[in-house]
N, C-alpha and C. Protein backbone atom coordinates (compact mmCIF):
# COMPACT_ATOMS: atom_id res chain seq x y z
N UNK A 1 0.85 -1.17 0.00
CA UNK A 1 0.00 0.00 0.00
C UNK A 1 0.90 1.24 0.00
N UNK A 2 0.67 2.17 -0.91
CA UNK A 2 1.50 3.38 -0.97
C UNK A 2 1.31 4.29 0.25
N UNK A 3 2.37 5.01 0.56
CA UNK A 3 2.31 6.02 1.62
C UNK A 3 2.11 7.38 0.97
N UNK A 4 1.16 8.15 1.50
CA UNK A 4 0.85 9.47 0.96
C UNK A 4 0.97 10.53 2.06
N UNK A 5 1.15 11.75 1.60
CA UNK A 5 1.13 12.92 2.47
C UNK A 5 -0.03 13.77 2.00
N UNK A 6 -0.97 14.08 2.91
CA UNK A 6 -2.08 14.98 2.59
C UNK A 6 -1.75 16.35 3.17
N UNK A 7 -1.91 17.37 2.35
CA UNK A 7 -1.67 18.76 2.74
C UNK A 7 -2.97 19.51 2.52
N UNK A 8 -3.57 19.97 3.62
CA UNK A 8 -4.84 20.67 3.51
C UNK A 8 -4.61 22.16 3.38
N UNK A 9 -5.50 22.79 2.67
CA UNK A 9 -5.41 24.23 2.48
C UNK A 9 -6.30 24.96 3.48
N UNK A 10 -5.73 25.95 4.12
CA UNK A 10 -6.47 26.93 4.94
C UNK A 10 -7.28 26.31 6.06
N UNK A 11 -6.72 25.33 6.76
CA UNK A 11 -7.39 24.86 7.97
C UNK A 11 -6.62 25.41 9.17
N UNK A 12 -7.38 25.78 10.19
CA UNK A 12 -6.82 26.29 11.45
C UNK A 12 -5.93 27.51 11.26
N UNK A 13 -6.29 28.36 10.31
CA UNK A 13 -5.55 29.60 10.09
C UNK A 13 -6.42 30.78 10.47
N UNK A 14 -5.93 31.60 11.37
CA UNK A 14 -6.61 32.84 11.79
C UNK A 14 -8.07 32.58 12.16
N UNK A 15 -8.32 31.46 12.83
CA UNK A 15 -9.66 31.17 13.30
C UNK A 15 -10.61 30.64 12.24
N UNK A 16 -10.11 30.39 11.04
CA UNK A 16 -10.96 29.88 9.96
C UNK A 16 -10.68 28.40 9.73
N UNK A 17 -11.70 27.70 9.23
CA UNK A 17 -11.52 26.31 8.86
C UNK A 17 -11.07 25.43 10.01
N UNK A 18 -11.71 25.57 11.16
CA UNK A 18 -11.32 24.82 12.35
C UNK A 18 -11.47 23.32 12.11
N UNK A 19 -10.38 22.60 12.30
CA UNK A 19 -10.39 21.15 12.16
C UNK A 19 -9.43 20.57 13.18
N UNK A 20 -9.97 19.86 14.15
CA UNK A 20 -9.11 19.18 15.12
C UNK A 20 -8.38 18.04 14.41
N UNK A 21 -7.11 17.90 14.71
CA UNK A 21 -6.34 16.85 14.04
C UNK A 21 -6.83 15.47 14.45
N UNK A 22 -7.41 15.33 15.64
CA UNK A 22 -8.01 14.05 16.04
C UNK A 22 -9.17 13.70 15.11
N UNK A 23 -9.97 14.71 14.73
CA UNK A 23 -11.08 14.48 13.79
C UNK A 23 -10.55 14.15 12.40
N UNK A 24 -9.46 14.80 12.00
CA UNK A 24 -8.85 14.51 10.70
C UNK A 24 -8.33 13.07 10.68
N UNK A 25 -7.64 12.65 11.74
CA UNK A 25 -7.14 11.27 11.81
C UNK A 25 -8.31 10.27 11.74
N UNK A 26 -9.37 10.57 12.49
CA UNK A 26 -10.54 9.68 12.51
C UNK A 26 -11.16 9.57 11.12
N UNK A 27 -11.24 10.69 10.40
CA UNK A 27 -11.78 10.67 9.04
C UNK A 27 -10.92 9.79 8.14
N UNK A 28 -9.60 9.96 8.22
CA UNK A 28 -8.70 9.16 7.37
C UNK A 28 -8.79 7.68 7.71
N UNK A 29 -8.84 7.37 8.98
CA UNK A 29 -8.99 5.97 9.39
C UNK A 29 -10.34 5.41 8.93
N UNK A 30 -11.39 6.24 8.98
CA UNK A 30 -12.71 5.83 8.52
C UNK A 30 -12.76 5.55 7.02
N UNK A 31 -11.83 6.15 6.29
CA UNK A 31 -11.72 5.88 4.85
C UNK A 31 -10.93 4.59 4.58
N UNK A 32 -10.47 3.96 5.65
CA UNK A 32 -9.72 2.71 5.52
C UNK A 32 -8.22 2.90 5.40
N UNK A 33 -7.74 4.12 5.62
CA UNK A 33 -6.30 4.38 5.53
C UNK A 33 -5.62 3.86 6.80
N UNK A 34 -4.39 3.45 6.66
CA UNK A 34 -3.65 2.82 7.76
C UNK A 34 -2.46 3.70 8.18
N UNK A 35 -1.97 3.44 9.39
CA UNK A 35 -0.77 4.12 9.91
C UNK A 35 -0.89 5.64 9.81
N UNK A 36 -2.04 6.15 10.19
CA UNK A 36 -2.33 7.59 10.06
C UNK A 36 -1.63 8.36 11.18
N UNK A 37 -0.87 9.39 10.77
CA UNK A 37 -0.20 10.28 11.70
C UNK A 37 -0.39 11.70 11.18
N UNK A 38 -0.77 12.62 12.08
CA UNK A 38 -0.88 14.02 11.68
C UNK A 38 0.32 14.79 12.23
N UNK A 39 0.57 15.93 11.63
CA UNK A 39 1.68 16.78 12.08
C UNK A 39 1.22 18.23 12.16
N UNK A 40 1.41 18.83 13.27
CA UNK A 40 0.98 20.18 13.65
C UNK A 40 -0.47 20.44 13.23
N UNK A 41 -0.96 21.60 13.53
CA UNK A 41 -2.38 21.90 13.39
C UNK A 41 -2.78 22.44 12.02
N UNK A 42 -1.86 22.53 11.08
CA UNK A 42 -2.20 23.15 9.80
C UNK A 42 -2.67 22.17 8.73
N UNK A 43 -3.00 20.95 9.13
CA UNK A 43 -3.59 20.02 8.18
C UNK A 43 -2.58 19.23 7.37
N UNK A 44 -1.73 18.50 8.07
CA UNK A 44 -0.76 17.62 7.43
C UNK A 44 -0.98 16.21 7.96
N UNK A 45 -0.99 15.23 7.08
CA UNK A 45 -1.13 13.85 7.52
C UNK A 45 -0.29 12.95 6.63
N UNK A 46 0.24 11.91 7.24
CA UNK A 46 0.97 10.85 6.53
C UNK A 46 0.22 9.56 6.81
N UNK A 47 0.01 8.76 5.78
CA UNK A 47 -0.78 7.54 5.94
C UNK A 47 -0.54 6.62 4.76
N UNK A 48 -0.94 5.37 4.93
CA UNK A 48 -0.89 4.37 3.86
C UNK A 48 -2.31 4.19 3.35
N UNK A 49 -2.46 4.15 2.02
CA UNK A 49 -3.79 4.01 1.43
C UNK A 49 -3.70 3.30 0.09
N UNK A 50 -4.70 2.47 -0.20
CA UNK A 50 -4.74 1.85 -1.53
C UNK A 50 -5.23 2.87 -2.56
N UNK A 51 -4.85 2.68 -3.78
CA UNK A 51 -5.36 3.52 -4.86
C UNK A 51 -4.40 4.62 -5.25
N UNK A 52 -4.79 5.34 -6.27
CA UNK A 52 -3.97 6.43 -6.81
C UNK A 52 -4.06 7.66 -5.93
N UNK A 53 -3.09 8.55 -6.10
CA UNK A 53 -3.11 9.82 -5.37
C UNK A 53 -4.38 10.60 -5.68
N UNK A 54 -4.82 10.58 -6.92
CA UNK A 54 -6.03 11.31 -7.30
C UNK A 54 -7.26 10.76 -6.57
N UNK A 55 -7.39 9.44 -6.51
CA UNK A 55 -8.54 8.84 -5.81
C UNK A 55 -8.49 9.09 -4.31
N UNK A 56 -7.30 9.00 -3.74
CA UNK A 56 -7.13 9.26 -2.31
C UNK A 56 -7.49 10.71 -2.00
N UNK A 57 -6.97 11.64 -2.79
CA UNK A 57 -7.27 13.06 -2.59
C UNK A 57 -8.75 13.36 -2.71
N UNK A 58 -9.40 12.76 -3.70
CA UNK A 58 -10.84 12.98 -3.88
C UNK A 58 -11.64 12.44 -2.70
N UNK A 59 -11.26 11.27 -2.20
CA UNK A 59 -11.96 10.68 -1.05
C UNK A 59 -11.81 11.57 0.18
N UNK A 60 -10.61 12.11 0.39
CA UNK A 60 -10.39 12.99 1.54
C UNK A 60 -11.20 14.27 1.38
N UNK A 61 -11.17 14.86 0.19
CA UNK A 61 -11.92 16.10 -0.04
C UNK A 61 -13.41 15.91 0.20
N UNK A 62 -13.96 14.79 -0.26
CA UNK A 62 -15.38 14.50 -0.06
C UNK A 62 -15.69 14.33 1.43
N UNK A 63 -14.83 13.59 2.12
CA UNK A 63 -15.03 13.38 3.56
C UNK A 63 -14.93 14.67 4.35
N UNK A 64 -13.97 15.51 4.00
CA UNK A 64 -13.80 16.78 4.71
C UNK A 64 -14.97 17.72 4.45
N UNK A 65 -15.49 17.73 3.23
CA UNK A 65 -16.64 18.59 2.94
C UNK A 65 -17.85 18.17 3.78
N UNK A 66 -18.05 16.87 3.91
CA UNK A 66 -19.16 16.39 4.75
C UNK A 66 -18.92 16.76 6.21
N UNK A 67 -17.70 16.62 6.67
CA UNK A 67 -17.37 16.89 8.07
C UNK A 67 -17.46 18.37 8.40
N UNK A 68 -16.96 19.22 7.51
CA UNK A 68 -16.82 20.64 7.80
C UNK A 68 -17.93 21.50 7.20
N UNK A 69 -18.72 20.93 6.30
CA UNK A 69 -19.82 21.67 5.70
C UNK A 69 -19.39 22.65 4.62
N UNK A 70 -18.15 22.56 4.17
CA UNK A 70 -17.62 23.43 3.11
C UNK A 70 -16.44 22.72 2.46
N UNK A 71 -16.16 23.04 1.21
CA UNK A 71 -15.01 22.40 0.55
C UNK A 71 -13.69 22.77 1.24
N UNK A 72 -12.78 21.80 1.26
CA UNK A 72 -11.43 22.00 1.78
C UNK A 72 -10.47 21.53 0.68
N UNK A 73 -9.52 22.37 0.35
CA UNK A 73 -8.52 21.99 -0.66
C UNK A 73 -7.58 20.92 -0.11
N UNK A 74 -7.33 19.90 -0.92
CA UNK A 74 -6.46 18.80 -0.54
C UNK A 74 -5.42 18.60 -1.64
N UNK A 75 -4.16 18.58 -1.25
CA UNK A 75 -3.08 18.28 -2.19
C UNK A 75 -2.37 17.04 -1.65
N UNK A 76 -2.11 16.10 -2.52
CA UNK A 76 -1.48 14.83 -2.14
C UNK A 76 -0.09 14.75 -2.76
N UNK A 77 0.86 14.29 -1.97
CA UNK A 77 2.22 14.03 -2.44
C UNK A 77 2.67 12.68 -1.88
N UNK A 78 3.72 12.13 -2.50
CA UNK A 78 4.34 10.89 -2.03
C UNK A 78 5.71 11.23 -1.42
N UNK A 79 6.28 10.26 -0.73
CA UNK A 79 7.62 10.44 -0.18
C UNK A 79 8.62 10.72 -1.31
N UNK A 80 8.48 10.01 -2.41
CA UNK A 80 9.39 10.20 -3.54
C UNK A 80 9.28 11.62 -4.10
N UNK A 81 8.07 12.15 -4.15
CA UNK A 81 7.90 13.52 -4.62
C UNK A 81 8.55 14.51 -3.66
N UNK A 82 8.40 14.28 -2.36
CA UNK A 82 9.07 15.16 -1.40
C UNK A 82 10.59 15.03 -1.52
N UNK A 83 11.09 13.83 -1.78
CA UNK A 83 12.54 13.65 -1.98
C UNK A 83 13.02 14.50 -3.16
N UNK A 84 12.25 14.49 -4.24
CA UNK A 84 12.61 15.29 -5.42
C UNK A 84 12.56 16.78 -5.11
N UNK A 85 11.54 17.20 -4.38
CA UNK A 85 11.40 18.61 -4.01
C UNK A 85 12.61 19.05 -3.18
N UNK A 86 13.02 18.22 -2.25
CA UNK A 86 14.17 18.55 -1.40
C UNK A 86 15.44 18.61 -2.24
N UNK A 87 15.62 17.63 -3.08
CA UNK A 87 16.84 17.56 -3.91
C UNK A 87 16.94 18.75 -4.87
N UNK A 88 15.81 19.18 -5.40
CA UNK A 88 15.81 20.22 -6.43
C UNK A 88 15.61 21.63 -5.88
N UNK A 89 15.65 21.80 -4.57
CA UNK A 89 15.41 23.12 -3.97
C UNK A 89 16.42 24.15 -4.48
N UNK A 90 15.97 25.15 -5.23
CA UNK A 90 16.91 26.17 -5.73
C UNK A 90 17.37 27.13 -4.64
N UNK A 91 16.73 27.07 -3.47
CA UNK A 91 17.10 27.94 -2.35
C UNK A 91 17.68 27.12 -1.20
N UNK A 92 18.41 26.07 -1.54
CA UNK A 92 18.96 25.17 -0.52
C UNK A 92 19.87 25.91 0.46
N UNK A 93 20.70 26.82 -0.03
CA UNK A 93 21.59 27.56 0.87
C UNK A 93 20.79 28.41 1.85
N UNK A 94 19.70 28.99 1.39
CA UNK A 94 18.86 29.84 2.24
C UNK A 94 18.01 29.02 3.20
N UNK A 95 17.84 27.72 2.91
CA UNK A 95 16.97 26.86 3.71
C UNK A 95 17.57 26.52 5.06
N UNK A 96 18.78 27.00 5.34
CA UNK A 96 19.33 26.85 6.69
C UNK A 96 18.35 27.44 7.70
N UNK A 97 17.69 28.53 7.31
CA UNK A 97 16.59 29.09 8.10
C UNK A 97 15.30 28.57 7.46
N UNK A 98 14.82 27.45 7.96
CA UNK A 98 13.67 26.78 7.34
C UNK A 98 12.38 27.56 7.37
N UNK A 99 12.31 28.63 8.15
CA UNK A 99 11.12 29.46 8.19
C UNK A 99 11.11 30.47 7.05
N UNK A 100 12.23 30.64 6.36
CA UNK A 100 12.34 31.64 5.29
C UNK A 100 12.24 31.03 3.89
N UNK A 101 12.21 29.71 3.83
CA UNK A 101 12.03 29.01 2.56
C UNK A 101 10.74 28.20 2.67
N UNK A 102 9.89 28.34 1.67
CA UNK A 102 8.59 27.66 1.66
C UNK A 102 8.41 26.95 0.32
N UNK A 103 7.50 25.99 0.33
CA UNK A 103 7.09 25.33 -0.90
C UNK A 103 5.59 25.48 -1.03
N UNK A 104 5.15 25.94 -2.19
CA UNK A 104 3.74 25.95 -2.53
C UNK A 104 3.44 24.67 -3.29
N UNK A 105 2.62 23.82 -2.71
CA UNK A 105 2.24 22.55 -3.33
C UNK A 105 0.97 22.80 -4.13
N UNK A 106 1.04 22.61 -5.43
CA UNK A 106 -0.11 22.87 -6.31
C UNK A 106 -0.83 21.58 -6.64
N UNK A 107 -2.14 21.67 -6.80
CA UNK A 107 -2.95 20.49 -7.11
C UNK A 107 -2.66 19.94 -8.50
N UNK A 108 -2.15 20.80 -9.37
CA UNK A 108 -1.74 20.39 -10.73
C UNK A 108 -0.77 21.46 -11.22
N UNK A 109 -0.14 21.26 -12.35
CA UNK A 109 0.80 22.28 -12.83
C UNK A 109 0.14 23.65 -12.97
N UNK A 110 0.92 24.67 -12.73
CA UNK A 110 0.44 26.05 -12.81
C UNK A 110 0.03 26.38 -14.24
N UNK A 111 -0.85 27.37 -14.38
CA UNK A 111 -1.32 27.80 -15.69
C UNK A 111 -0.20 28.41 -16.53
N UNK A 112 -0.46 28.55 -17.80
CA UNK A 112 0.54 29.01 -18.76
C UNK A 112 1.10 30.39 -18.44
N UNK A 113 0.31 31.26 -17.88
CA UNK A 113 0.77 32.62 -17.59
C UNK A 113 1.33 32.80 -16.19
N UNK A 114 1.59 31.71 -15.49
CA UNK A 114 1.97 31.80 -14.08
C UNK A 114 3.29 32.54 -13.86
N UNK A 115 4.30 32.24 -14.64
CA UNK A 115 5.60 32.89 -14.41
C UNK A 115 5.49 34.39 -14.61
N UNK A 116 4.82 34.82 -15.66
CA UNK A 116 4.64 36.26 -15.88
C UNK A 116 3.85 36.90 -14.73
N UNK A 117 2.81 36.22 -14.26
CA UNK A 117 2.01 36.76 -13.16
C UNK A 117 2.82 36.81 -11.86
N UNK A 118 3.62 35.78 -11.59
CA UNK A 118 4.46 35.78 -10.40
C UNK A 118 5.52 36.89 -10.48
N UNK A 119 6.11 37.06 -11.65
CA UNK A 119 7.06 38.16 -11.84
C UNK A 119 6.36 39.51 -11.64
N UNK A 120 5.10 39.59 -12.03
CA UNK A 120 4.33 40.81 -11.81
C UNK A 120 4.18 41.15 -10.34
N UNK A 121 4.02 40.12 -9.50
CA UNK A 121 3.94 40.33 -8.05
C UNK A 121 5.27 40.90 -7.54
N UNK A 122 6.37 40.32 -8.00
CA UNK A 122 7.70 40.80 -7.59
C UNK A 122 7.86 42.27 -7.98
N UNK A 123 7.48 42.60 -9.21
CA UNK A 123 7.64 43.97 -9.71
C UNK A 123 6.72 44.96 -8.99
N UNK A 124 5.54 44.50 -8.61
CA UNK A 124 4.57 45.38 -7.94
C UNK A 124 5.01 45.75 -6.52
N UNK A 125 5.78 44.88 -5.90
CA UNK A 125 6.20 45.08 -4.51
C UNK A 125 7.73 45.05 -4.43
N UNK A 126 8.39 46.04 -5.00
CA UNK A 126 9.85 46.01 -5.05
C UNK A 126 10.54 46.09 -3.69
N UNK A 127 9.86 46.58 -2.66
CA UNK A 127 10.49 46.65 -1.34
C UNK A 127 10.61 45.26 -0.71
N UNK A 128 9.78 44.33 -1.14
CA UNK A 128 9.90 42.95 -0.68
C UNK A 128 11.07 42.30 -1.43
N UNK A 129 11.79 41.46 -0.78
CA UNK A 129 12.91 40.78 -1.43
C UNK A 129 12.57 39.33 -1.76
N UNK A 130 11.29 39.01 -1.79
CA UNK A 130 10.84 37.65 -2.04
C UNK A 130 11.26 37.17 -3.42
N UNK A 131 11.63 35.90 -3.49
CA UNK A 131 11.97 35.28 -4.77
C UNK A 131 11.16 33.99 -4.90
N UNK A 132 10.98 33.53 -6.13
CA UNK A 132 10.25 32.30 -6.37
C UNK A 132 10.94 31.50 -7.46
N UNK A 133 10.60 30.22 -7.50
CA UNK A 133 11.02 29.35 -8.59
C UNK A 133 9.88 28.36 -8.82
N UNK A 134 9.28 28.44 -10.00
CA UNK A 134 8.17 27.55 -10.35
C UNK A 134 8.75 26.28 -10.95
N UNK A 135 8.35 25.14 -10.39
CA UNK A 135 8.83 23.84 -10.85
C UNK A 135 7.65 22.89 -10.99
N UNK A 136 7.03 22.90 -12.16
CA UNK A 136 5.92 22.00 -12.50
C UNK A 136 4.72 22.25 -11.58
N UNK A 137 4.53 21.40 -10.56
CA UNK A 137 3.38 21.56 -9.67
C UNK A 137 3.79 21.97 -8.25
N UNK A 138 4.92 22.64 -8.17
CA UNK A 138 5.41 23.20 -6.90
C UNK A 138 6.01 24.57 -7.18
N UNK A 139 5.95 25.42 -6.18
CA UNK A 139 6.63 26.72 -6.26
C UNK A 139 7.48 26.84 -5.02
N UNK A 140 8.75 27.08 -5.24
CA UNK A 140 9.67 27.35 -4.12
C UNK A 140 9.66 28.85 -3.88
N UNK A 141 9.68 29.24 -2.61
CA UNK A 141 9.75 30.65 -2.24
C UNK A 141 10.90 30.87 -1.27
N UNK A 142 11.66 31.92 -1.50
CA UNK A 142 12.61 32.40 -0.50
C UNK A 142 12.06 33.74 -0.03
N UNK A 143 11.76 33.81 1.25
CA UNK A 143 11.13 34.99 1.85
C UNK A 143 12.07 35.56 2.90
N UNK A 144 13.11 36.29 2.48
CA UNK A 144 14.13 36.75 3.44
C UNK A 144 13.59 37.68 4.51
N UNK A 145 12.48 38.35 4.25
CA UNK A 145 11.87 39.25 5.24
C UNK A 145 10.76 38.55 6.03
N UNK A 146 10.62 37.25 5.87
CA UNK A 146 9.60 36.47 6.59
C UNK A 146 8.33 36.32 5.78
N UNK A 147 7.51 35.38 6.23
CA UNK A 147 6.29 35.04 5.50
C UNK A 147 5.10 35.92 5.86
N UNK A 148 5.16 36.60 6.98
CA UNK A 148 3.99 37.34 7.47
C UNK A 148 3.49 38.39 6.49
N UNK A 149 4.37 39.06 5.79
CA UNK A 149 3.97 40.15 4.89
C UNK A 149 4.14 39.83 3.41
N UNK A 150 4.45 38.58 3.09
CA UNK A 150 4.67 38.25 1.69
C UNK A 150 3.41 38.49 0.86
N UNK A 151 3.59 38.85 -0.37
CA UNK A 151 2.47 39.01 -1.30
C UNK A 151 2.23 37.72 -2.08
N UNK A 152 3.09 36.73 -1.86
CA UNK A 152 2.90 35.41 -2.48
C UNK A 152 1.97 34.58 -1.60
N UNK A 153 0.73 35.03 -1.46
CA UNK A 153 -0.21 34.30 -0.63
C UNK A 153 -1.64 34.63 -1.04
N UNK A 154 -2.56 33.84 -0.53
CA UNK A 154 -3.98 34.10 -0.71
C UNK A 154 -4.43 34.26 -2.14
N UNK A 155 -5.38 35.17 -2.31
CA UNK A 155 -6.00 35.36 -3.62
C UNK A 155 -5.02 35.86 -4.67
N UNK A 156 -4.04 36.65 -4.25
CA UNK A 156 -3.03 37.14 -5.21
C UNK A 156 -2.28 35.97 -5.83
N UNK A 157 -1.85 35.04 -5.00
CA UNK A 157 -1.12 33.88 -5.50
C UNK A 157 -2.04 32.96 -6.30
N UNK A 158 -3.25 32.73 -5.79
CA UNK A 158 -4.21 31.89 -6.52
C UNK A 158 -4.42 32.39 -7.94
N UNK A 159 -4.62 33.68 -8.05
CA UNK A 159 -4.86 34.27 -9.37
C UNK A 159 -3.63 34.11 -10.27
N UNK A 160 -2.45 34.28 -9.69
CA UNK A 160 -1.22 34.19 -10.48
C UNK A 160 -1.00 32.79 -11.04
N UNK A 161 -1.21 31.76 -10.23
CA UNK A 161 -0.90 30.40 -10.69
C UNK A 161 -2.09 29.70 -11.33
N UNK A 162 -3.29 30.17 -11.04
CA UNK A 162 -4.48 29.60 -11.68
C UNK A 162 -4.84 28.20 -11.23
N UNK A 163 -4.39 27.81 -10.04
CA UNK A 163 -4.67 26.46 -9.55
C UNK A 163 -4.61 26.48 -8.03
N UNK A 164 -5.36 25.58 -7.40
CA UNK A 164 -5.36 25.45 -5.95
C UNK A 164 -3.98 25.03 -5.46
N UNK A 165 -3.57 25.62 -4.36
CA UNK A 165 -2.30 25.23 -3.75
C UNK A 165 -2.33 25.49 -2.26
N UNK A 166 -1.31 24.99 -1.59
CA UNK A 166 -1.14 25.21 -0.16
C UNK A 166 0.35 25.23 0.14
N UNK A 167 0.75 26.07 1.05
CA UNK A 167 2.17 26.24 1.33
C UNK A 167 2.60 25.66 2.66
N UNK A 168 3.88 25.25 2.72
CA UNK A 168 4.49 24.77 3.95
C UNK A 168 5.91 25.32 4.01
N UNK A 169 6.35 25.65 5.23
CA UNK A 169 7.73 26.10 5.34
C UNK A 169 8.67 24.90 5.23
N UNK A 170 9.94 25.20 5.03
CA UNK A 170 10.93 24.16 4.76
C UNK A 170 11.05 23.18 5.92
N UNK A 171 10.94 23.68 7.16
CA UNK A 171 11.01 22.78 8.32
C UNK A 171 9.91 21.73 8.25
N UNK A 172 8.72 22.14 7.88
CA UNK A 172 7.59 21.21 7.77
C UNK A 172 7.80 20.24 6.62
N UNK A 173 8.32 20.71 5.50
CA UNK A 173 8.60 19.82 4.36
C UNK A 173 9.56 18.71 4.80
N UNK A 174 10.62 19.09 5.50
CA UNK A 174 11.61 18.10 5.95
C UNK A 174 11.00 17.12 6.95
N UNK A 175 10.17 17.61 7.87
CA UNK A 175 9.54 16.73 8.85
C UNK A 175 8.59 15.74 8.16
N UNK A 176 7.78 16.22 7.23
CA UNK A 176 6.86 15.32 6.51
C UNK A 176 7.64 14.30 5.68
N UNK A 177 8.77 14.70 5.14
CA UNK A 177 9.62 13.77 4.40
C UNK A 177 10.10 12.65 5.33
N UNK A 178 10.56 13.02 6.50
CA UNK A 178 11.01 12.01 7.47
C UNK A 178 9.86 11.10 7.89
N UNK A 179 8.71 11.69 8.17
CA UNK A 179 7.55 10.91 8.61
C UNK A 179 7.04 9.95 7.54
N UNK A 180 7.24 10.29 6.27
CA UNK A 180 6.70 9.47 5.18
C UNK A 180 7.71 8.47 4.64
N UNK A 181 8.89 8.41 5.25
CA UNK A 181 9.91 7.47 4.79
C UNK A 181 9.39 6.03 4.88
N UNK A 182 9.97 5.15 4.09
CA UNK A 182 9.53 3.75 4.17
C UNK A 182 9.51 3.26 5.62
N UNK A 183 8.58 2.37 5.91
CA UNK A 183 8.32 1.95 7.29
C UNK A 183 9.57 1.56 8.06
N UNK A 184 10.47 0.84 7.45
CA UNK A 184 11.66 0.41 8.19
C UNK A 184 12.48 1.63 8.62
N UNK A 185 12.50 2.68 7.83
CA UNK A 185 13.22 3.90 8.18
C UNK A 185 12.49 4.66 9.27
N UNK A 186 11.16 4.48 9.35
CA UNK A 186 10.35 5.16 10.37
C UNK A 186 10.35 4.39 11.69
N UNK A 187 10.97 3.19 11.68
CA UNK A 187 11.02 2.40 12.91
C UNK A 187 9.83 1.48 13.10
N UNK A 188 8.97 1.34 12.10
CA UNK A 188 7.83 0.43 12.20
C UNK A 188 8.13 -0.81 11.36
N UNK A 189 7.56 -1.91 11.78
CA UNK A 189 7.76 -3.15 11.03
C UNK A 189 6.50 -3.56 10.33
């Protein structure tokens, strides 16, 4: 059974989208997923599940909508995909401070005009020193002034890339990578 990482969009942020991680684990277990573990309150889970990433993501999205009464964005990745993301990080030197490097996980590849739109954000806010690198269905961000005031967020970012996404800082990416490692590496038999 493949191991997946579920990344939820906009749960437990600024009092919106309240979802207890115990309820999220129960939902995943109710879907028949095994070895379910959540990480911090922002909607991260690692679990084993049969089927494709697309089917798993759709099942989670349907379950969350029933539970929460509104749609919740779900992005699914595998351990191998996180390995590639880590290996290909164009801001690896800056990732020493894991709070200043983020990854935007997109539900599918960004739209055709995404790079121009992202460059437009950079040009519109020249006092920010934020940088980005679009890589298929992920966007790497280096936010030297911190994430709190970045313009690479919310509706501005959604409009630029034209696809649902959710972001995690580099520390969280590394932790989820460790948590999703093959069972023997995680200490389970």
